[in-house]
Amino acid sequence: MFKHLFWSCVYKPMQRREALKGIVTLSISLPMTSLHDLKNWVSSKESSDKMPVLFVGHGNPMNVLWDNAFTRHLSALGQRLEAPKAVLVISAHWLSRGTHVATNPAPPTIHDFGGFPSEMYEIQYPAPGAPDLAMEIAQRVHFTEVHTDEEMGLDHGAWTVLRWMYPEANIPVFQMSIDATQGPTYHYALAKDLAFLRKRGVMILGSGNIVHNLRILDWQNPEATPFDWAKEFDEKVKTQILNGDHQPLIDYLQWGTLAKTAVPTNDHYLPMLYTLGLKEKSDEVSFTYEGFHHGSISMRCIQLSS
């Protein structure tokens, strides 16, 4: 019997020469009341380096407990990438009316699913939040109004991934919601207003799945052979990303039955569009993981980096 699931879903310090130049310039033009003010000013400056942007196909929440090729990939990814100042997660599992950003300084671990083993509900991921960065998003994004949310924690689209990447939970994490009333064009365009975060040491992580059809998945077998239509859609998306042509991915419903089968609801697809919307000319695209779980869930992961 089909199991009913509720899958609700660097910063590198400024180079010494640049920092000293900035400090000297500032000391001439603006009076500093204390060394504390000076430290805050330096830490707020944007680095010339950019953090990578990720899209992770998070799949079954049980991945947080499983030792498999996908979770080993996440562990290796966390070790390979330079540690960010903070992580902004755009997850398939925080849908809202309007766009919201979480300002909770101590986000709780949200177990937003049902029908899983009891040990799943005992897992905690006590990473701190990043309220200052969240408030900055609300102030600096001009494409749309961004509302603040003081209560939102970390849904499983965030913590089941980050628990493998940063198991010590020592990097601040906060989330931005997906406005469920808006179409793909809105989300792709909104992403561009988040680009400033990359120079502030913030890793932006979209968490969803390119192919995500829970209606016909093989729940009993995570390693089930993927359906032909699932592979076809996943490969079409890959091809368009490599071509640098994102418009067909925004207009994916024009692919007809194939798209409607692979993406029956767009909650897991939209986080990928945030990742692609952040791509800059200097960014290289790599697919850090490719594969399927349960026959109808693409676990493809994408990285944009300069």
C-alpha atoms as a PDB file:
ATOM      1  CA  MET A   1       0.000   0.000   0.000  1.00  0.00           C
ATOM      2  CA  PHE A   2       1.299   3.392  -0.967  1.00  0.00           C
ATOM      3  CA  LYS A   3       2.583   5.189   2.069  1.00  0.00           C
ATOM      4  CA  HIS A   4       1.022   8.597   2.482  1.00  0.00           C
ATOM      5  CA  LEU A   5       3.738  11.174   2.941  1.00  0.00           C
ATOM      6  CA  PHE A   6       3.649  14.818   3.829  1.00  0.00           C
ATOM      7  CA  TRP A   7       6.775  16.216   2.235  1.00  0.00           C
ATOM      8  CA  SER A   8       5.430  19.777   2.863  1.00  0.00           C
ATOM      9  CA  CYS A   9       8.149  20.433   2.331  1.00  0.00           C
ATOM     10  CA  VAL A  10      33.580  32.784   0.792  1.00  0.00           C
ATOM     11  CA  TYR A  11      33.003  34.815   2.683  1.00  0.00           C
ATOM     12  CA  LYS A  12      36.733  35.488   2.432  1.00  0.00           C
ATOM     13  CA  PRO A  13      37.964  38.439   4.475  1.00  0.00           C
ATOM     14  CA  MET A  14      38.965  41.398   2.338  1.00  0.00           C
ATOM     15  CA  GLN A  15      42.476  41.160   1.057  1.00  0.00           C
ATOM     16  CA  ARG A  16      44.820  42.929   3.465  1.00  0.00           C
ATOM     17  CA  ARG A  17      45.754  45.666   1.047  1.00  0.00           C
ATOM     18  CA  GLU A  18      42.109  46.368   0.177  1.00  0.00           C
ATOM     19  CA  ALA A  19      41.108  46.385   3.824  1.00  0.00           C
ATOM     20  CA  LEU A  20      43.875  48.798   4.836  1.00  0.00           C
ATOM     21  CA  LYS A  21      43.062  51.094   1.953  1.00  0.00           C
ATOM     22  CA  GLY A  22      39.412  51.145   2.956  1.00  0.00           C
ATOM     23  CA  ILE A  23      40.244  51.807   6.602  1.00  0.00           C
ATOM     24  CA  VAL A  24      42.545  54.714   5.746  1.00  0.00           C
ATOM     25  CA  THR A  25      39.970  56.241   3.414  1.00  0.00           C
ATOM     26  CA  LEU A  26      37.230  55.912   5.976  1.00  0.00           C
ATOM     27  CA  SER A  27      39.362  57.361   8.768  1.00  0.00           C
ATOM     28  CA  ILE A  28      39.850  60.496   6.706  1.00  0.00           C
ATOM     29  CA  SER A  29      36.236  60.940   5.611  1.00  0.00           C
ATOM     30  CA  LEU A  30      34.221  59.723   8.600  1.00  0.00           C
ATOM     31  CA  PRO A  31      34.943  59.913  12.300  1.00  0.00           C
ATOM     32  CA  MET A  32      34.906  56.583  14.106  1.00  0.00           C
ATOM     33  CA  THR A  33      33.551  56.574  17.618  1.00  0.00           C
ATOM     34  CA  SER A  34      35.289  53.319  18.561  1.00  0.00           C
ATOM     35  CA  LEU A  35      37.238  50.344  17.323  1.00  0.00           C
ATOM     36  CA  HIS A  36      33.962  48.419  17.561  1.00  0.00           C
ATOM     37  CA  ASP A  37      32.456  50.725  14.908  1.00  0.00           C
ATOM     38  CA  LEU A  38      35.467  50.184  12.701  1.00  0.00           C
ATOM     39  CA  LYS A  39      35.213  46.414  13.034  1.00  0.00           C
ATOM     40  CA  ASN A  40      31.523  46.474  12.127  1.00  0.00           C
ATOM     41  CA  TRP A  41      32.210  48.617   9.069  1.00  0.00           C
ATOM     42  CA  VAL A  42      34.919  46.299   7.759  1.00  0.00           C
ATOM     43  CA  SER A  43      32.806  43.179   8.326  1.00  0.00           C
ATOM     44  CA  SER A  44      29.872  44.694   6.424  1.00  0.00           C
ATOM     45  CA  LYS A  45      31.851  45.368   3.248  1.00  0.00           C
ATOM     46  CA  GLU A  46      31.279  43.145   0.262  1.00  0.00           C
ATOM     47  CA  SER A  47      34.132  40.862  -0.714  1.00  0.00           C
ATOM     48  CA  SER A  48      35.401  40.745  -4.296  1.00  0.00           C
ATOM     49  CA  ASP A  49      34.908  36.980  -4.133  1.00  0.00           C
ATOM     50  CA  LYS A  50      31.516  35.350  -4.545  1.00  0.00           C
ATOM     51  CA  MET A  51      30.111  32.376  -2.739  1.00  0.00           C
ATOM     52  CA  PRO A  52      28.783  29.544  -4.904  1.00  0.00           C
ATOM     53  CA  VAL A  53      25.077  28.987  -5.368  1.00  0.00           C
ATOM     54  CA  LEU A  54      23.672  25.490  -4.956  1.00  0.00           C
ATOM     55  CA  PHE A  55      20.584  23.560  -5.900  1.00  0.00           C
ATOM     56  CA  VAL A  56      20.181  20.289  -4.026  1.00  0.00           C
ATOM     57  CA  GLY A  57      17.652  17.610  -4.891  1.00  0.00           C
ATOM     58  CA  HIS A  58      16.821  16.624  -1.326  1.00  0.00           C
ATOM     59  CA  GLY A  59      14.334  13.809  -2.000  1.00  0.00           C
ATOM     60  CA  ASN A  60      13.063  11.525   0.734  1.00  0.00           C
ATOM     61  CA  PRO A  61      13.509  12.965   4.267  1.00  0.00           C
ATOM     62  CA  MET A  62      14.886   9.536   5.259  1.00  0.00           C
ATOM     63  CA  ASN A  63      18.077  10.482   3.440  1.00  0.00           C
ATOM     64  CA  VAL A  64      19.081  12.230   6.645  1.00  0.00           C
ATOM     65  CA  LEU A  65      19.536   8.759   8.179  1.00  0.00           C
ATOM     66  CA  TRP A  66      20.812   6.838   5.183  1.00  0.00           C
ATOM     67  CA  ASP A  67      24.395   6.246   4.134  1.00  0.00           C
ATOM     68  CA  ASN A  68      24.187   6.275   0.351  1.00  0.00           C
ATOM     69  CA  ALA A  69      25.912   7.846  -2.644  1.00  0.00           C
ATOM     70  CA  PHE A  70      23.781  10.986  -2.347  1.00  0.00           C
ATOM     71  CA  THR A  71      24.435  11.637   1.347  1.00  0.00           C
ATOM     72  CA  ARG A  72      28.125  10.914   0.911  1.00  0.00           C
ATOM     73  CA  HIS A  73      28.100  13.517  -1.848  1.00  0.00           C
ATOM     74  CA  LEU A  74      26.597  16.074   0.541  1.00  0.00           C
ATOM     75  CA  SER A  75      29.258  15.350   3.149  1.00  0.00           C
ATOM     76  CA  ALA A  76      32.024  15.724   0.579  1.00  0.00           C
ATOM     77  CA  LEU A  77      30.460  18.940  -0.730  1.00  0.00           C
ATOM     78  CA  GLY A  78      30.458  20.494   2.716  1.00  0.00           C
ATOM     79  CA  GLN A  79      34.114  19.597   3.185  1.00  0.00           C
ATOM     80  CA  ARG A  80      35.164  20.802  -0.273  1.00  0.00           C
ATOM     81  CA  LEU A  81      33.493  24.219  -0.245  1.00  0.00           C
ATOM     82  CA  GLU A  82      34.869  27.018   1.867  1.00  0.00           C
ATOM     83  CA  ALA A  83      32.655  27.539   4.889  1.00  0.00           C
ATOM     84  CA  PRO A  84      30.125  30.324   4.322  1.00  0.00           C
ATOM     85  CA  LYS A  85      29.301  33.133   6.710  1.00  0.00           C
ATOM     86  CA  ALA A  86      25.669  31.973   6.568  1.00  0.00           C
ATOM     87  CA  VAL A  87      23.345  29.851   4.449  1.00  0.00           C
ATOM     88  CA  LEU A  88      20.095  31.125   2.938  1.00  0.00           C
ATOM     89  CA  VAL A  89      17.814  28.214   2.059  1.00  0.00           C
ATOM     90  CA  ILE A  90      14.939  28.509  -0.400  1.00  0.00           C
ATOM     91  CA  SER A  91      13.043  25.307   0.242  1.00  0.00           C
ATOM     92  CA  ALA A  92      10.144  23.608  -1.482  1.00  0.00           C
ATOM     93  CA  HIS A  93       8.558  23.223   1.936  1.00  0.00           C
ATOM     94  CA  TRP A  94       7.994  26.845   2.898  1.00  0.00           C
ATOM     95  CA  LEU A  95       5.166  28.028   0.692  1.00  0.00           C
ATOM     96  CA  SER A  96       3.410  31.268   1.516  1.00  0.00           C
ATOM     97  CA  ARG A  97       1.253  34.087   0.220  1.00  0.00           C
ATOM     98  CA  GLY A  98       3.773  36.805  -0.456  1.00  0.00           C
ATOM     99  CA  THR A  99       7.527  36.488   0.013  1.00  0.00           C
ATOM    100  CA  HIS A 100       8.796  36.154   3.576  1.00  0.00           C
ATOM    101  CA  VAL A 101      12.227  35.885   5.169  1.00  0.00           C
ATOM    102  CA  ALA A 102      12.887  34.317   8.566  1.00  0.00           C
ATOM    103  CA  THR A 103      14.388  36.586  11.252  1.00  0.00           C
ATOM    104  CA  ASN A 104      14.309  33.987  14.023  1.00  0.00           C
ATOM    105  CA  PRO A 105      17.698  34.074  15.825  1.00  0.00           C
ATOM    106  CA  ALA A 106      17.255  30.467  17.016  1.00  0.00           C
ATOM    107  CA  PRO A 107      15.241  28.631  14.343  1.00  0.00           C
ATOM    108  CA  PRO A 108      13.670  25.392  15.607  1.00  0.00           C
ATOM    109  CA  THR A 109      13.936  22.128  13.684  1.00  0.00           C
ATOM    110  CA  ILE A 110      10.595  21.541  11.951  1.00  0.00           C
ATOM    111  CA  HIS A 111       9.502  17.924  11.396  1.00  0.00           C
ATOM    112  CA  ASP A 112       7.087  18.719   8.596  1.00  0.00           C
ATOM    113  CA  PHE A 113       6.188  15.197   7.499  1.00  0.00           C
ATOM    114  CA  GLY A 114       4.198  12.200   8.671  1.00  0.00           C
ATOM    115  CA  GLY A 115       4.462   8.411   8.691  1.00  0.00           C
ATOM    116  CA  PHE A 116       8.180   8.148   9.398  1.00  0.00           C
ATOM    117  CA  PRO A 117      10.127   6.272  12.098  1.00  0.00           C
ATOM    118  CA  SER A 118      10.179   7.903  15.526  1.00  0.00           C
ATOM    119  CA  GLU A 119      13.912   8.607  15.291  1.00  0.00           C
ATOM    120  CA  MET A 120      13.191  11.107  12.505  1.00  0.00           C
ATOM    121  CA  TYR A 121      11.246  13.281  14.939  1.00  0.00           C
ATOM    122  CA  GLU A 122      14.047  13.207  17.489  1.00  0.00           C
ATOM    123  CA  ILE A 123      16.603  14.802  15.176  1.00  0.00           C
ATOM    124  CA  GLN A 124      17.488  18.379  15.981  1.00  0.00           C
ATOM    125  CA  TYR A 125      19.595  20.776  13.918  1.00  0.00           C
ATOM    126  CA  PRO A 126      20.302  23.669  16.302  1.00  0.00           C
ATOM    127  CA  ALA A 127      22.012  26.075  13.904  1.00  0.00           C
ATOM    128  CA  PRO A 128      21.649  29.756  14.794  1.00  0.00           C
ATOM    129  CA  GLY A 129      19.652  32.056  12.568  1.00  0.00           C
ATOM    130  CA  ALA A 130      20.890  35.176  10.778  1.00  0.00           C
ATOM    131  CA  PRO A 131      18.352  37.911  11.623  1.00  0.00           C
ATOM    132  CA  ASP A 132      20.619  40.777  10.523  1.00  0.00           C
ATOM    133  CA  LEU A 133      21.061  39.281   7.053  1.00  0.00           C
ATOM    134  CA  ALA A 134      17.340  38.521   6.863  1.00  0.00           C
ATOM    135  CA  MET A 135      16.498  42.136   7.672  1.00  0.00           C
ATOM    136  CA  GLU A 136      18.952  43.268   5.026  1.00  0.00           C
ATOM    137  CA  ILE A 137      17.104  41.196   2.433  1.00  0.00           C
ATOM    138  CA  ALA A 138      13.821  42.832   3.459  1.00  0.00           C
ATOM    139  CA  GLN A 139      15.426  46.245   3.052  1.00  0.00           C
ATOM    140  CA  ARG A 140      17.443  45.714  -0.127  1.00  0.00           C
ATOM    141  CA  VAL A 141      15.152  43.626  -2.330  1.00  0.00           C
ATOM    142  CA  HIS A 142      13.273  45.965  -4.654  1.00  0.00           C
ATOM    143  CA  PHE A 143      11.577  43.507  -6.983  1.00  0.00           C
ATOM    144  CA  THR A 144       8.843  42.787  -4.455  1.00  0.00           C
ATOM    145  CA  GLU A 145       8.030  43.472  -0.835  1.00  0.00           C
ATOM    146  CA  VAL A 146       9.715  40.970   1.465  1.00  0.00           C
ATOM    147  CA  HIS A 147       7.940  40.401   4.771  1.00  0.00           C
ATOM    148  CA  THR A 148       9.738  39.272   7.910  1.00  0.00           C
ATOM    149  CA  ASP A 149       8.775  36.201   9.927  1.00  0.00           C
ATOM    150  CA  GLU A 150      10.016  35.951  13.502  1.00  0.00           C
ATOM    151  CA  GLU A 151       8.843  32.372  14.124  1.00  0.00           C
ATOM    152  CA  MET A 152       9.865  30.312  11.092  1.00  0.00           C
ATOM    153  CA  GLY A 153      12.404  27.568  11.769  1.00  0.00           C
ATOM    154  CA  LEU A 154      14.197  25.126   9.470  1.00  0.00           C
ATOM    155  CA  ASP A 155      12.011  22.765   7.479  1.00  0.00           C
ATOM    156  CA  HIS A 156      13.248  19.400   6.269  1.00  0.00           C
ATOM    157  CA  GLY A 157      14.289  20.833   2.919  1.00  0.00           C
ATOM    158  CA  ALA A 158      16.969  22.647   4.898  1.00  0.00           C
ATOM    159  CA  TRP A 159      18.061  20.490   7.822  1.00  0.00           C
ATOM    160  CA  THR A 160      18.093  17.075   6.118  1.00  0.00           C
ATOM    161  CA  VAL A 161      20.638  18.536   3.670  1.00  0.00           C
ATOM    162  CA  LEU A 162      22.666  20.707   6.027  1.00  0.00           C
ATOM    163  CA  ARG A 163      22.995  17.976   8.633  1.00  0.00           C
ATOM    164  CA  TRP A 164      25.250  16.181   6.154  1.00  0.00           C
ATOM    165  CA  MET A 165      27.051  19.263   4.842  1.00  0.00           C
ATOM    166  CA  TYR A 166      27.639  20.979   8.190  1.00  0.00           C
ATOM    167  CA  PRO A 167      26.978  18.383  10.895  1.00  0.00           C
ATOM    168  CA  GLU A 168      28.167  20.634  13.714  1.00  0.00           C
ATOM    169  CA  ALA A 169      25.311  23.073  12.989  1.00  0.00           C
ATOM    170  CA  ASN A 170      27.710  25.932  13.642  1.00  0.00           C
ATOM    171  CA  ILE A 171      26.902  28.011  10.546  1.00  0.00           C
ATOM    172  CA  PRO A 172      23.914  30.392  10.714  1.00  0.00           C
ATOM    173  CA  VAL A 173      20.965  29.295   8.577  1.00  0.00           C
ATOM    174  CA  PHE A 174      17.821  31.153   7.593  1.00  0.00           C
ATOM    175  CA  GLN A 175      15.099  30.655   5.011  1.00  0.00           C
ATOM    176  CA  MET A 176      13.144  32.649   2.449  1.00  0.00           C
ATOM    177  CA  SER A 177       9.697  31.472   1.443  1.00  0.00           C
ATOM    178  CA  ILE A 178       8.279  30.683  -1.984  1.00  0.00           C
ATOM    179  CA  ASP A 179       5.237  32.798  -2.851  1.00  0.00           C
ATOM    180  CA  ALA A 180       2.820  30.109  -4.037  1.00  0.00           C
ATOM    181  CA  THR A 181       0.591  32.701  -5.728  1.00  0.00           C
ATOM    182  CA  GLN A 182       3.292  33.628  -8.252  1.00  0.00           C
ATOM    183  CA  GLY A 183       4.485  31.897 -11.395  1.00  0.00           C
ATOM    184  CA  PRO A 184       7.994  30.833 -12.433  1.00  0.00           C
ATOM    185  CA  THR A 185       8.928  34.196 -13.994  1.00  0.00           C
ATOM    186  CA  TYR A 186       8.454  35.948 -10.652  1.00  0.00           C
ATOM    187  CA  HIS A 187      10.758  33.570  -8.789  1.00  0.00           C
ATOM    188  CA  TYR A 188      13.480  33.659 -11.434  1.00  0.00           C
ATOM    189  CA  ALA A 189      13.435  37.473 -11.436  1.00  0.00           C
ATOM    190  CA  LEU A 190      13.326  37.801  -7.645  1.00  0.00           C
ATOM    191  CA  ALA A 191      16.480  35.708  -7.346  1.00  0.00           C
ATOM    192  CA  LYS A 192      18.507  38.421  -9.077  1.00  0.00           C
ATOM    193  CA  ASP A 193      17.858  40.814  -6.192  1.00  0.00           C
ATOM    194  CA  LEU A 194      19.588  38.348  -3.862  1.00  0.00           C
ATOM    195  CA  ALA A 195      22.912  38.475  -5.716  1.00  0.00           C
ATOM    196  CA  PHE A 196      24.461  40.906  -3.229  1.00  0.00           C
ATOM    197  CA  LEU A 197      24.474  38.134  -0.617  1.00  0.00           C
ATOM    198  CA  ARG A 198      27.089  36.168  -2.507  1.00  0.00           C
ATOM    199  CA  LYS A 199      29.667  38.894  -1.860  1.00  0.00           C
ATOM    200  CA  ARG A 200      28.667  38.961   1.772  1.00  0.00           C
ATOM    201  CA  GLY A 201      29.755  35.369   2.262  1.00  0.00           C
ATOM    202  CA  VAL A 202      26.272  33.892   2.102  1.00  0.00           C
ATOM    203  CA  MET A 203      25.713  30.592   0.344  1.00  0.00           C
ATOM    204  CA  ILE A 204      22.280  30.528  -1.311  1.00  0.00           C
ATOM    205  CA  LEU A 205      20.876  27.011  -1.471  1.00  0.00           C
ATOM    206  CA  GLY A 206      17.749  26.010  -3.378  1.00  0.00           C
ATOM    207  CA  SER A 207      16.310  22.764  -2.047  1.00  0.00           C
ATOM    208  CA  GLY A 208      13.767  20.793  -4.043  1.00  0.00           C
ATOM    209  CA  ASN A 209      13.782  18.266  -6.909  1.00  0.00           C
ATOM    210  CA  ILE A 210      13.712  18.786 -10.666  1.00  0.00           C
ATOM    211  CA  VAL A 211      11.519  15.693 -11.095  1.00  0.00           C
ATOM    212  CA  HIS A 212       9.208  15.092  -8.146  1.00  0.00           C
ATOM    213  CA  ASN A 213       6.184  12.861  -8.670  1.00  0.00           C
ATOM    214  CA  LEU A 214       5.032  11.241  -5.418  1.00  0.00           C
ATOM    215  CA  ARG A 215       1.912   9.801  -6.997  1.00  0.00           C
ATOM    216  CA  ILE A 216       3.687   6.966  -8.742  1.00  0.00           C
ATOM    217  CA  LEU A 217       6.985   6.557  -6.898  1.00  0.00           C
ATOM    218  CA  ASP A 218       8.258   3.168  -5.771  1.00  0.00           C
ATOM    219  CA  TRP A 219       8.288   3.824  -2.028  1.00  0.00           C
ATOM    220  CA  GLN A 220       9.697   0.393  -1.145  1.00  0.00           C
ATOM    221  CA  ASN A 221      12.788   0.730  -3.320  1.00  0.00           C
ATOM    222  CA  PRO A 222      14.928   3.881  -3.190  1.00  0.00           C
ATOM    223  CA  GLU A 223      17.138   2.437  -5.926  1.00  0.00           C
ATOM    224  CA  ALA A 224      14.263   1.671  -8.309  1.00  0.00           C
ATOM    225  CA  THR A 225      14.990   2.116 -12.015  1.00  0.00           C
ATOM    226  CA  PRO A 226      13.864   5.625 -13.008  1.00  0.00           C
ATOM    227  CA  PHE A 227      10.911   5.965 -15.350  1.00  0.00           C
ATOM    228  CA  ASP A 228      11.768   6.880 -18.945  1.00  0.00           C
ATOM    229  CA  TRP A 229       9.755  10.108 -18.756  1.00  0.00           C
ATOM    230  CA  ALA A 230      11.614  11.097 -15.572  1.00  0.00           C
ATOM    231  CA  LYS A 231      14.981  10.633 -17.242  1.00  0.00           C
ATOM    232  CA  GLU A 232      13.813  12.498 -20.356  1.00  0.00           C
ATOM    233  CA  PHE A 233      12.647  15.544 -18.421  1.00  0.00           C
ATOM    234  CA  ASP A 234      15.742  15.602 -16.233  1.00  0.00           C
ATOM    235  CA  GLU A 235      17.996  15.466 -19.286  1.00  0.00           C
ATOM    236  CA  LYS A 236      16.033  18.235 -21.053  1.00  0.00           C
ATOM    237  CA  VAL A 237      16.552  20.458 -18.031  1.00  0.00           C
ATOM    238  CA  LYS A 238      20.263  19.607 -17.936  1.00  0.00           C
ATOM    239  CA  THR A 239      20.648  20.432 -21.632  1.00  0.00           C
ATOM    240  CA  GLN A 240      18.988  23.835 -21.271  1.00  0.00           C
ATOM    241  CA  ILE A 241      21.142  24.689 -18.263  1.00  0.00           C
ATOM    242  CA  LEU A 242      24.310  23.779 -20.160  1.00  0.00           C
ATOM    243  CA  ASN A 243      23.112  25.852 -23.121  1.00  0.00           C
ATOM    244  CA  GLY A 244      22.621  28.822 -20.813  1.00  0.00           C
ATOM    245  CA  ASP A 245      19.074  29.222 -22.079  1.00  0.00           C
ATOM    246  CA  HIS A 246      16.817  29.532 -19.054  1.00  0.00           C
ATOM    247  CA  GLN A 247      13.638  30.740 -20.727  1.00  0.00           C
ATOM    248  CA  PRO A 248      12.456  27.238 -21.712  1.00  0.00           C
ATOM    249  CA  LEU A 249      12.982  26.220 -18.073  1.00  0.00           C
ATOM    250  CA  ILE A 250      10.808  29.101 -16.930  1.00  0.00           C
ATOM    251  CA  ASP A 251       8.204  28.107 -19.546  1.00  0.00           C
ATOM    252  CA  TYR A 252       8.595  24.392 -18.802  1.00  0.00           C
ATOM    253  CA  LEU A 253       4.842  23.759 -18.987  1.00  0.00           C
ATOM    254  CA  GLN A 254       5.125  24.219 -22.745  1.00  0.00           C
ATOM    255  CA  TRP A 255       6.733  20.774 -22.752  1.00  0.00           C
ATOM    256  CA  GLY A 256       3.227  19.406 -22.325  1.00  0.00           C
ATOM    257  CA  THR A 257       2.465  16.029 -20.797  1.00  0.00           C
ATOM    258  CA  LEU A 258       6.115  15.368 -20.071  1.00  0.00           C
ATOM    259  CA  ALA A 259       6.316  18.443 -17.828  1.00  0.00           C
ATOM    260  CA  LYS A 260       2.997  17.780 -16.111  1.00  0.00           C
ATOM    261  CA  THR A 261       4.087  14.235 -15.292  1.00  0.00           C
ATOM    262  CA  ALA A 262       7.551  15.219 -14.040  1.00  0.00           C
ATOM    263  CA  VAL A 263       6.333  18.338 -12.204  1.00  0.00           C
ATOM    264  CA  PRO A 264       2.725  17.754 -11.114  1.00  0.00           C
ATOM    265  CA  THR A 265       3.157  20.634  -8.635  1.00  0.00           C
ATOM    266  CA  ASN A 266       5.905  23.212  -8.981  1.00  0.00           C
ATOM    267  CA  ASP A 267       6.906  23.568  -5.313  1.00  0.00           C
ATOM    268  CA  HIS A 268      10.005  21.397  -5.743  1.00  0.00           C
ATOM    269  CA  TYR A 269      10.862  22.812  -9.164  1.00  0.00           C
ATOM    270  CA  LEU A 270      10.881  26.513  -8.262  1.00  0.00           C
ATOM    271  CA  PRO A 271      13.955  26.395  -5.970  1.00  0.00           C
ATOM    272  CA  MET A 272      15.989  25.457  -9.039  1.00  0.00           C
ATOM    273  CA  LEU A 273      14.825  28.646 -10.772  1.00  0.00           C
ATOM    274  CA  TYR A 274      16.153  30.706  -7.862  1.00  0.00           C
ATOM    275  CA  THR A 275      19.527  29.054  -8.356  1.00  0.00           C
ATOM    276  CA  LEU A 276      19.523  29.716 -12.097  1.00  0.00           C
ATOM    277  CA  GLY A 277      18.293  33.277 -11.608  1.00  0.00           C
ATOM    278  CA  LEU A 278      21.459  33.968  -9.619  1.00  0.00           C
ATOM    279  CA  LYS A 279      23.784  32.866 -12.395  1.00  0.00           C
ATOM    280  CA  GLU A 280      26.248  35.521 -13.540  1.00  0.00           C
ATOM    281  CA  LYS A 281      28.361  35.563 -16.697  1.00  0.00           C
ATOM    282  CA  SER A 282      31.484  34.552 -14.829  1.00  0.00           C
ATOM    283  CA  ASP A 283      29.826  31.532 -13.199  1.00  0.00           C
ATOM    284  CA  GLU A 284      30.570  28.014 -14.295  1.00  0.00           C
ATOM    285  CA  VAL A 285      27.884  25.346 -13.971  1.00  0.00           C
ATOM    286  CA  SER A 286      28.595  21.893 -12.635  1.00  0.00           C
ATOM    287  CA  PHE A 287      26.319  19.010 -11.757  1.00  0.00           C
ATOM    288  CA  THR A 288      27.736  17.752  -8.502  1.00  0.00           C
ATOM    289  CA  TYR A 289      25.345  14.813  -8.307  1.00  0.00           C
ATOM    290  CA  GLU A 290      23.091  13.007 -10.800  1.00  0.00           C
ATOM    291  CA  GLY A 291      20.701  10.174 -10.123  1.00  0.00           C
ATOM    292  CA  PHE A 292      17.185   9.123  -9.124  1.00  0.00           C
ATOM    293  CA  HIS A 293      15.487   7.792  -6.026  1.00  0.00           C
ATOM    294  CA  HIS A 294      12.263   5.771  -5.936  1.00  0.00           C
ATOM    295  CA  GLY A 295      11.993   5.868  -9.732  1.00  0.00           C
ATOM    296  CA  SER A 296      10.349   9.299  -9.953  1.00  0.00           C
ATOM    297  CA  ILE A 297      12.529  11.692  -7.945  1.00  0.00           C
ATOM    298  CA  SER A 298      15.535  13.344  -9.571  1.00  0.00           C
ATOM    299  CA  MET A 299      18.349  13.918  -7.096  1.00  0.00           C
ATOM    300  CA  ARG A 300      20.321  16.146  -9.468  1.00  0.00           C
ATOM    301  CA  CYS A 301      22.408  18.802  -7.707  1.00  0.00           C
ATOM    302  CA  ILE A 302      23.747  21.970  -9.336  1.00  0.00           C
ATOM    303  CA  GLN A 303      26.564  24.324  -8.403  1.00  0.00           C
ATOM    304  CA  LEU A 304      27.277  27.792  -9.791  1.00  0.00           C
ATOM    305  CA  SER A 305      30.705  29.140  -8.992  1.00  0.00           C
ATOM    306  CA  SER A 306      33.137  31.705 -10.361  1.00  0.00           C
END
